[in-house]
Amino acid sequence: MSEFIKAILKRALWTFVEVVPAAALTAIGSATTLGEVDWKTVASTAILAGIISVLKSFAIGVPEAPRDLDPSNGHPPA
């Protein structure tokens, strides 16, 4: 697996992990008990954020990737 793909996946996972608590807190705020929280919505929100992160990384690059692998530097990965 190329370093560029590893950087993209790492960034997407980090985004997913950041969004889960925020989405959960939003869902918990509108529920009266934890049983009423719509966990499917929390998960789908986090997954969508991860997908958007991947798409954004392909579009503008990943700062963590080596500069010679970053498509925003004009050098797409091989």
PDB file of N, CA and C in Angstrom:
ATOM      1  N   MET A   1       0.863  -1.178   0.000  1.00  0.00           N
ATOM      2  CA  MET A   1       0.000   0.000   0.000  1.00  0.00           C
ATOM      3  C   MET A   1       0.903   1.232   0.000  1.00  0.00           C
ATOM      4  N   SER A   2       0.570   2.188  -0.854  1.00  0.00           N
ATOM      5  CA  SER A   2       1.419   3.375  -0.959  1.00  0.00           C
ATOM      6  C   SER A   2       1.281   4.273   0.278  1.00  0.00           C
ATOM      7  N   GLU A   3       2.283   5.075   0.476  1.00  0.00           N
ATOM      8  CA  GLU A   3       2.273   6.012   1.607  1.00  0.00           C
ATOM      9  C   GLU A   3       1.122   7.002   1.484  1.00  0.00           C
ATOM     10  N   PHE A   4       0.787   7.388   0.253  1.00  0.00           N
ATOM     11  CA  PHE A   4      -0.308   8.336   0.028  1.00  0.00           C
ATOM     12  C   PHE A   4      -1.639   7.730   0.482  1.00  0.00           C
ATOM     13  N   ILE A   5      -1.894   6.477   0.112  1.00  0.00           N
ATOM     14  CA  ILE A   5      -3.138   5.805   0.513  1.00  0.00           C
ATOM     15  C   ILE A   5      -3.175   5.624   2.027  1.00  0.00           C
ATOM     16  N   LYS A   6      -2.044   5.260   2.621  1.00  0.00           N
ATOM     17  CA  LYS A   6      -1.987   5.127   4.078  1.00  0.00           C
ATOM     18  C   LYS A   6      -2.326   6.450   4.758  1.00  0.00           C
ATOM     19  N   ALA A   7      -1.800   7.553   4.224  1.00  0.00           N
ATOM     20  CA  ALA A   7      -2.076   8.873   4.798  1.00  0.00           C
ATOM     21  C   ALA A   7      -3.556   9.222   4.657  1.00  0.00           C
ATOM     22  N   ILE A   8      -4.151   8.889   3.520  1.00  0.00           N
ATOM     23  CA  ILE A   8      -5.580   9.157   3.302  1.00  0.00           C
ATOM     24  C   ILE A   8      -6.423   8.356   4.293  1.00  0.00           C
ATOM     25  N   LEU A   9      -6.114   7.073   4.441  1.00  0.00           N
ATOM     26  CA  LEU A   9      -6.893   6.233   5.352  1.00  0.00           C
ATOM     27  C   LEU A   9      -6.723   6.659   6.803  1.00  0.00           C
ATOM     28  N   LYS A  10      -5.510   7.052   7.165  1.00  0.00           N
ATOM     29  CA  LYS A  10      -5.269   7.533   8.528  1.00  0.00           C
ATOM     30  C   LYS A  10      -6.088   8.797   8.801  1.00  0.00           C
ATOM     31  N   ARG A  11      -6.107   9.715   7.838  1.00  0.00           N
ATOM     32  CA  ARG A  11      -6.872  10.951   7.983  1.00  0.00           C
ATOM     33  C   ARG A  11      -8.367  10.651   8.064  1.00  0.00           C
ATOM     34  N   ALA A  12      -8.858   9.742   7.242  1.00  0.00           N
ATOM     35  CA  ALA A  12     -10.283   9.390   7.252  1.00  0.00           C
ATOM     36  C   ALA A  12     -10.673   8.742   8.579  1.00  0.00           C
ATOM     37  N   LEU A  13      -9.823   7.859   9.090  1.00  0.00           N
ATOM     38  CA  LEU A  13     -10.098   7.229  10.389  1.00  0.00           C
ATOM     39  C   LEU A  13     -10.118   8.272  11.496  1.00  0.00           C
ATOM     40  N   TRP A  14      -9.172   9.191  11.462  1.00  0.00           N
ATOM     41  CA  TRP A  14      -9.119  10.253  12.464  1.00  0.00           C
ATOM     42  C   TRP A  14     -10.399  11.097  12.407  1.00  0.00           C
ATOM     43  N   THR A  15     -10.856  11.421  11.205  1.00  0.00           N
ATOM     44  CA  THR A  15     -12.092  12.191  11.041  1.00  0.00           C
ATOM     45  C   THR A  15     -13.271  11.417  11.616  1.00  0.00           C
ATOM     46  N   PHE A  16     -13.345  10.126  11.306  1.00  0.00           N
ATOM     47  CA  PHE A  16     -14.421   9.280  11.826  1.00  0.00           C
ATOM     48  C   PHE A  16     -14.440   9.312  13.350  1.00  0.00           C
ATOM     49  N   VAL A  17     -13.263   9.132  13.952  1.00  0.00           N
ATOM     50  CA  VAL A  17     -13.161   9.108  15.412  1.00  0.00           C
ATOM     51  C   VAL A  17     -13.542  10.450  16.028  1.00  0.00           C
ATOM     52  N   GLU A  18     -13.241  11.538  15.350  1.00  0.00           N
ATOM     53  CA  GLU A  18     -13.611  12.862  15.860  1.00  0.00           C
ATOM     54  C   GLU A  18     -15.110  13.116  15.763  1.00  0.00           C
ATOM     55  N   VAL A  19     -15.739  12.591  14.716  1.00  0.00           N
ATOM     56  CA  VAL A  19     -17.157  12.876  14.482  1.00  0.00           C
ATOM     57  C   VAL A  19     -18.069  12.039  15.377  1.00  0.00           C
ATOM     58  N   VAL A  20     -17.665  10.829  15.724  1.00  0.00           N
ATOM     59  CA  VAL A  20     -18.528   9.957  16.543  1.00  0.00           C
ATOM     60  C   VAL A  20     -18.983  10.649  17.831  1.00  0.00           C
ATOM     61  N   PRO A  21     -18.076  11.211  18.648  1.00  0.00           N
ATOM     62  CA  PRO A  21     -18.564  11.841  19.878  1.00  0.00           C
ATOM     63  C   PRO A  21     -19.448  13.061  19.623  1.00  0.00           C
ATOM     64  N   ALA A  22     -19.123  13.828  18.606  1.00  0.00           N
ATOM     65  CA  ALA A  22     -19.937  15.011  18.310  1.00  0.00           C
ATOM     66  C   ALA A  22     -21.342  14.606  17.872  1.00  0.00           C
ATOM     67  N   ALA A  23     -21.423  13.617  16.997  1.00  0.00           N
ATOM     68  CA  ALA A  23     -22.736  13.141  16.546  1.00  0.00           C
ATOM     69  C   ALA A  23     -23.500  12.495  17.701  1.00  0.00           C
ATOM     70  N   ALA A  24     -22.790  11.750  18.543  1.00  0.00           N
ATOM     71  CA  ALA A  24     -23.441  11.108  19.688  1.00  0.00           C
ATOM     72  C   ALA A  24     -23.981  12.148  20.663  1.00  0.00           C
ATOM     73  N   LEU A  25     -23.190  13.171  20.931  1.00  0.00           N
ATOM     74  CA  LEU A  25     -23.653  14.221  21.842  1.00  0.00           C
ATOM     75  C   LEU A  25     -24.878  14.939  21.292  1.00  0.00           C
ATOM     76  N   THR A  26     -24.894  15.151  19.999  1.00  0.00           N
ATOM     77  CA  THR A  26     -26.062  15.781  19.379  1.00  0.00           C
ATOM     78  C   THR A  26     -27.283  14.879  19.521  1.00  0.00           C
ATOM     79  N   ALA A  27     -27.107  13.589  19.259  1.00  0.00           N
ATOM     80  CA  ALA A  27     -28.224  12.649  19.365  1.00  0.00           C
ATOM     81  C   ALA A  27     -28.665  12.482  20.810  1.00  0.00           C
ATOM     82  N   ILE A  28     -27.713  12.438  21.728  1.00  0.00           N
ATOM     83  CA  ILE A  28     -28.048  12.288  23.142  1.00  0.00           C
ATOM     84  C   ILE A  28     -28.794  13.520  23.650  1.00  0.00           C
ATOM     85  N   GLY A  29     -28.426  14.678  23.139  1.00  0.00           N
ATOM     86  CA  GLY A  29     -29.085  15.912  23.559  1.00  0.00           C
ATOM     87  C   GLY A  29     -30.560  15.945  23.230  1.00  0.00           C
ATOM     88  N   SER A  30     -30.959  15.231  22.173  1.00  0.00           N
ATOM     89  CA  SER A  30     -32.371  15.235  21.788  1.00  0.00           C
ATOM     90  C   SER A  30     -33.116  13.998  22.294  1.00  0.00           C
ATOM     91  N   ALA A  31     -32.439  13.124  23.026  1.00  0.00           N
ATOM     92  CA  ALA A  31     -33.073  11.919  23.571  1.00  0.00           C
ATOM     93  C   ALA A  31     -33.176  12.055  25.089  1.00  0.00           C
ATOM     94  N   THR A  32     -34.146  11.369  25.651  1.00  0.00           N
ATOM     95  CA  THR A  32     -34.290  11.408  27.107  1.00  0.00           C
ATOM     96  C   THR A  32     -33.531  10.283  27.787  1.00  0.00           C
ATOM     97  N   THR A  33     -33.248   9.195  27.053  1.00  0.00           N
ATOM     98  CA  THR A  33     -32.432   8.098  27.584  1.00  0.00           C
ATOM     99  C   THR A  33     -31.464   7.637  26.497  1.00  0.00           C
ATOM    100  N   LEU A  34     -30.403   6.929  26.909  1.00  0.00           N
ATOM    101  CA  LEU A  34     -29.447   6.409  25.929  1.00  0.00           C
ATOM    102  C   LEU A  34     -30.103   5.406  24.988  1.00  0.00           C
ATOM    103  N   GLY A  35     -31.126   4.727  25.438  1.00  0.00           N
ATOM    104  CA  GLY A  35     -31.850   3.775  24.593  1.00  0.00           C
ATOM    105  C   GLY A  35     -32.576   4.447  23.443  1.00  0.00           C
ATOM    106  N   GLU A  36     -32.874   5.733  23.597  1.00  0.00           N
ATOM    107  CA  GLU A  36     -33.569   6.467  22.547  1.00  0.00           C
ATOM    108  C   GLU A  36     -32.629   7.074  21.511  1.00  0.00           C
ATOM    109  N   VAL A  37     -31.331   6.977  21.740  1.00  0.00           N
ATOM    110  CA  VAL A  37     -30.367   7.541  20.794  1.00  0.00           C
ATOM    111  C   VAL A  37     -30.395   6.709  19.514  1.00  0.00           C
ATOM    112  N   ASP A  38     -30.470   7.377  18.392  1.00  0.00           N
ATOM    113  CA  ASP A  38     -30.460   6.694  17.098  1.00  0.00           C
ATOM    114  C   ASP A  38     -29.002   6.454  16.687  1.00  0.00           C
ATOM    115  N   TRP A  39     -28.465   5.301  17.096  1.00  0.00           N
ATOM    116  CA  TRP A  39     -27.056   4.993  16.871  1.00  0.00           C
ATOM    117  C   TRP A  39     -26.750   4.776  15.395  1.00  0.00           C
ATOM    118  N   LYS A  40     -27.760   4.397  14.602  1.00  0.00           N
ATOM    119  CA  LYS A  40     -27.545   4.273  13.153  1.00  0.00           C
ATOM    120  C   LYS A  40     -27.228   5.636  12.550  1.00  0.00           C
ATOM    121  N   THR A  41     -27.900   6.655  13.029  1.00  0.00           N
ATOM    122  CA  THR A  41     -27.640   8.007  12.540  1.00  0.00           C
ATOM    123  C   THR A  41     -26.251   8.471  12.960  1.00  0.00           C
ATOM    124  N   VAL A  42     -25.864   8.167  14.191  1.00  0.00           N
ATOM    125  CA  VAL A  42     -24.524   8.526  14.670  1.00  0.00           C
ATOM    126  C   VAL A  42     -23.476   7.854  13.792  1.00  0.00           C
ATOM    127  N   ALA A  43     -23.642   6.544  13.546  1.00  0.00           N
ATOM    128  CA  ALA A  43     -22.675   5.800  12.730  1.00  0.00           C
ATOM    129  C   ALA A  43     -22.651   6.310  11.294  1.00  0.00           C
ATOM    130  N   SER A  44     -23.827   6.533  10.708  1.00  0.00           N
ATOM    131  CA  SER A  44     -23.845   6.981   9.312  1.00  0.00           C
ATOM    132  C   SER A  44     -23.269   8.381   9.161  1.00  0.00           C
ATOM    133  N   THR A  45     -23.454   9.228  10.158  1.00  0.00           N
ATOM    134  CA  THR A  45     -22.854  10.564  10.123  1.00  0.00           C
ATOM    135  C   THR A  45     -21.337  10.468  10.142  1.00  0.00           C
ATOM    136  N   ALA A  46     -20.804   9.612  11.002  1.00  0.00           N
ATOM    137  CA  ALA A  46     -19.349   9.444  11.100  1.00  0.00           C
ATOM    138  C   ALA A  46     -18.780   8.801   9.834  1.00  0.00           C
ATOM    139  N   ILE A  47     -19.476   7.815   9.291  1.00  0.00           N
ATOM    140  CA  ILE A  47     -19.017   7.168   8.058  1.00  0.00           C
ATOM    141  C   ILE A  47     -19.013   8.163   6.900  1.00  0.00           C
ATOM    142  N   LEU A  48     -20.069   8.958   6.798  1.00  0.00           N
ATOM    143  CA  LEU A  48     -20.127   9.972   5.745  1.00  0.00           C
ATOM    144  C   LEU A  48     -18.979  10.970   5.885  1.00  0.00           C
ATOM    145  N   ALA A  49     -18.658  11.363   7.096  1.00  0.00           N
ATOM    146  CA  ALA A  49     -17.527  12.276   7.310  1.00  0.00           C
ATOM    147  C   ALA A  49     -16.221  11.633   6.856  1.00  0.00           C
ATOM    148  N   GLY A  50     -16.057  10.334   7.116  1.00  0.00           N
ATOM    149  CA  GLY A  50     -14.860   9.627   6.665  1.00  0.00           C
ATOM    150  C   GLY A  50     -14.771   9.564   5.152  1.00  0.00           C
ATOM    151  N   ILE A  51     -15.897   9.315   4.494  1.00  0.00           N
ATOM    152  CA  ILE A  51     -15.929   9.279   3.027  1.00  0.00           C
ATOM    153  C   ILE A  51     -15.588  10.648   2.451  1.00  0.00           C
ATOM    154  N   ILE A  52     -16.168  11.689   3.025  1.00  0.00           N
ATOM    155  CA  ILE A  52     -15.870  13.037   2.567  1.00  0.00           C
ATOM    156  C   ILE A  52     -14.392  13.353   2.757  1.00  0.00           C
ATOM    157  N   SER A  53     -13.814  12.876   3.853  1.00  0.00           N
ATOM    158  CA  SER A  53     -12.385  13.081   4.099  1.00  0.00           C
ATOM    159  C   SER A  53     -11.542  12.432   3.007  1.00  0.00           C
ATOM    160  N   VAL A  54     -11.907  11.216   2.611  1.00  0.00           N
ATOM    161  CA  VAL A  54     -11.173  10.522   1.543  1.00  0.00           C
ATOM    162  C   VAL A  54     -11.282  11.298   0.233  1.00  0.00           C
ATOM    163  N   LEU A  55     -12.489  11.710  -0.119  1.00  0.00           N
ATOM    164  CA  LEU A  55     -12.684  12.468  -1.362  1.00  0.00           C
ATOM    165  C   LEU A  55     -11.912  13.780  -1.345  1.00  0.00           C
ATOM    166  N   LYS A  56     -11.952  14.450  -0.209  1.00  0.00           N
ATOM    167  CA  LYS A  56     -11.222  15.713  -0.066  1.00  0.00           C
ATOM    168  C   LYS A  56      -9.716  15.490  -0.182  1.00  0.00           C
ATOM    169  N   SER A  57      -9.223  14.400   0.375  1.00  0.00           N
ATOM    170  CA  SER A  57      -7.792  14.102   0.292  1.00  0.00           C
ATOM    171  C   SER A  57      -7.347  13.885  -1.146  1.00  0.00           C
ATOM    172  N   PHE A  58      -8.184  13.204  -1.944  1.00  0.00           N
ATOM    173  CA  PHE A  58      -7.849  13.018  -3.356  1.00  0.00           C
ATOM    174  C   PHE A  58      -7.916  14.338  -4.116  1.00  0.00           C
ATOM    175  N   ALA A  59      -8.842  15.211  -3.714  1.00  0.00           N
ATOM    176  CA  ALA A  59      -9.013  16.477  -4.429  1.00  0.00           C
ATOM    177  C   ALA A  59      -7.925  17.491  -4.110  1.00  0.00           C
ATOM    178  N   ILE A  60      -7.554  17.618  -2.833  1.00  0.00           N
ATOM    179  CA  ILE A  60      -6.602  18.679  -2.469  1.00  0.00           C
ATOM    180  C   ILE A  60      -5.314  18.181  -1.855  1.00  0.00           C
ATOM    181  N   GLY A  61      -5.218  16.873  -1.640  1.00  0.00           N
ATOM    182  CA  GLY A  61      -3.979  16.327  -1.093  1.00  0.00           C
ATOM    183  C   GLY A  61      -4.060  16.101   0.399  1.00  0.00           C
ATOM    184  N   VAL A  62      -2.983  15.525   0.917  1.00  0.00           N
ATOM    185  CA  VAL A  62      -2.890  15.186   2.332  1.00  0.00           C
ATOM    186  C   VAL A  62      -1.597  15.771   2.873  1.00  0.00           C
ATOM    187  N   PRO A  63      -1.675  16.684   3.834  1.00  0.00           N
ATOM    188  CA  PRO A  63      -0.448  17.284   4.363  1.00  0.00           C
ATOM    189  C   PRO A  63       0.519  16.266   4.962  1.00  0.00           C
ATOM    190  N   GLU A  64      -0.008  15.145   5.476  1.00  0.00           N
ATOM    191  CA  GLU A  64       0.847  14.143   6.103  1.00  0.00           C
ATOM    192  C   GLU A  64       1.628  13.315   5.093  1.00  0.00           C
ATOM    193  N   ALA A  65       1.177  13.296   3.843  1.00  0.00           N
ATOM    194  CA  ALA A  65       1.841  12.493   2.818  1.00  0.00           C
ATOM    195  C   ALA A  65       3.126  13.172   2.370  1.00  0.00           C
ATOM    196  N   PRO A  66       4.114  12.377   1.968  1.00  0.00           N
ATOM    197  CA  PRO A  66       5.330  12.987   1.423  1.00  0.00           C
ATOM    198  C   PRO A  66       4.976  13.883   0.236  1.00  0.00           C
ATOM    199  N   ARG A  67       5.642  14.997   0.103  1.00  0.00           N
ATOM    200  CA  ARG A  67       5.309  15.983  -0.934  1.00  0.00           C
ATOM    201  C   ARG A  67       5.357  15.397  -2.340  1.00  0.00           C
ATOM    202  N   ASP A  68       6.222  14.418  -2.589  1.00  0.00           N
ATOM    203  CA  ASP A  68       6.293  13.854  -3.926  1.00  0.00           C
ATOM    204  C   ASP A  68       5.120  12.926  -4.236  1.00  0.00           C
ATOM    205  N   LEU A  69       4.305  12.597  -3.233  1.00  0.00           N
ATOM    206  CA  LEU A  69       3.128  11.757  -3.443  1.00  0.00           C
ATOM    207  C   LEU A  69       1.831  12.546  -3.373  1.00  0.00           C
ATOM    208  N   ASP A  70       1.920  13.806  -3.061  1.00  0.00           N
ATOM    209  CA  ASP A  70       0.741  14.638  -2.848  1.00  0.00           C
ATOM    210  C   ASP A  70       0.238  15.185  -4.184  1.00  0.00           C
ATOM    211  N   PRO A  71      -1.006  14.816  -4.619  1.00  0.00           N
ATOM    212  CA  PRO A  71      -1.502  15.287  -5.909  1.00  0.00           C
ATOM    213  C   PRO A  71      -1.645  16.807  -5.983  1.00  0.00           C
ATOM    214  N   SER A  72      -1.809  17.480  -4.860  1.00  0.00           N
ATOM    215  CA  SER A  72      -1.911  18.947  -4.917  1.00  0.00           C
ATOM    216  C   SER A  72      -0.581  19.573  -5.266  1.00  0.00           C
ATOM    217  N   ASN A  73       0.495  18.799  -5.180  1.00  0.00           N
ATOM    218  CA  ASN A  73       1.820  19.270  -5.529  1.00  0.00           C
ATOM    219  C   ASN A  73       2.096  19.067  -7.014  1.00  0.00           C
ATOM    220  N   GLY A  74       1.106  18.557  -7.744  1.00  0.00           N
ATOM    221  CA  GLY A  74       1.273  18.337  -9.165  1.00  0.00           C
ATOM    222  C   GLY A  74       1.901  16.995  -9.502  1.00  0.00           C
ATOM    223  N   HIS A  75       2.097  16.139  -8.502  1.00  0.00           N
ATOM    224  CA  HIS A  75       2.690  14.831  -8.717  1.00  0.00           C
ATOM    225  C   HIS A  75       1.749  13.762  -8.187  1.00  0.00           C
ATOM    226  N   PRO A  76       0.851  13.247  -9.030  1.00  0.00           N
ATOM    227  CA  PRO A  76      -0.066  12.215  -8.539  1.00  0.00           C
ATOM    228  C   PRO A  76       0.688  10.955  -8.152  1.00  0.00           C
ATOM    229  N   PRO A  77       0.132  10.202  -7.222  1.00  0.00           N
ATOM    230  CA  PRO A  77       0.801   8.962  -6.806  1.00  0.00           C
ATOM    231  C   PRO A  77       0.898   7.967  -7.956  1.00  0.00           C
ATOM    232  N   ALA A  78       1.950   7.200  -7.957  1.00  0.00           N
ATOM    233  CA  ALA A  78       2.159   6.206  -9.023  1.00  0.00           C
ATOM    234  C   ALA A  78       1.339   4.969  -8.777  1.00  0.00           C
TER     235      ALA A  78
END
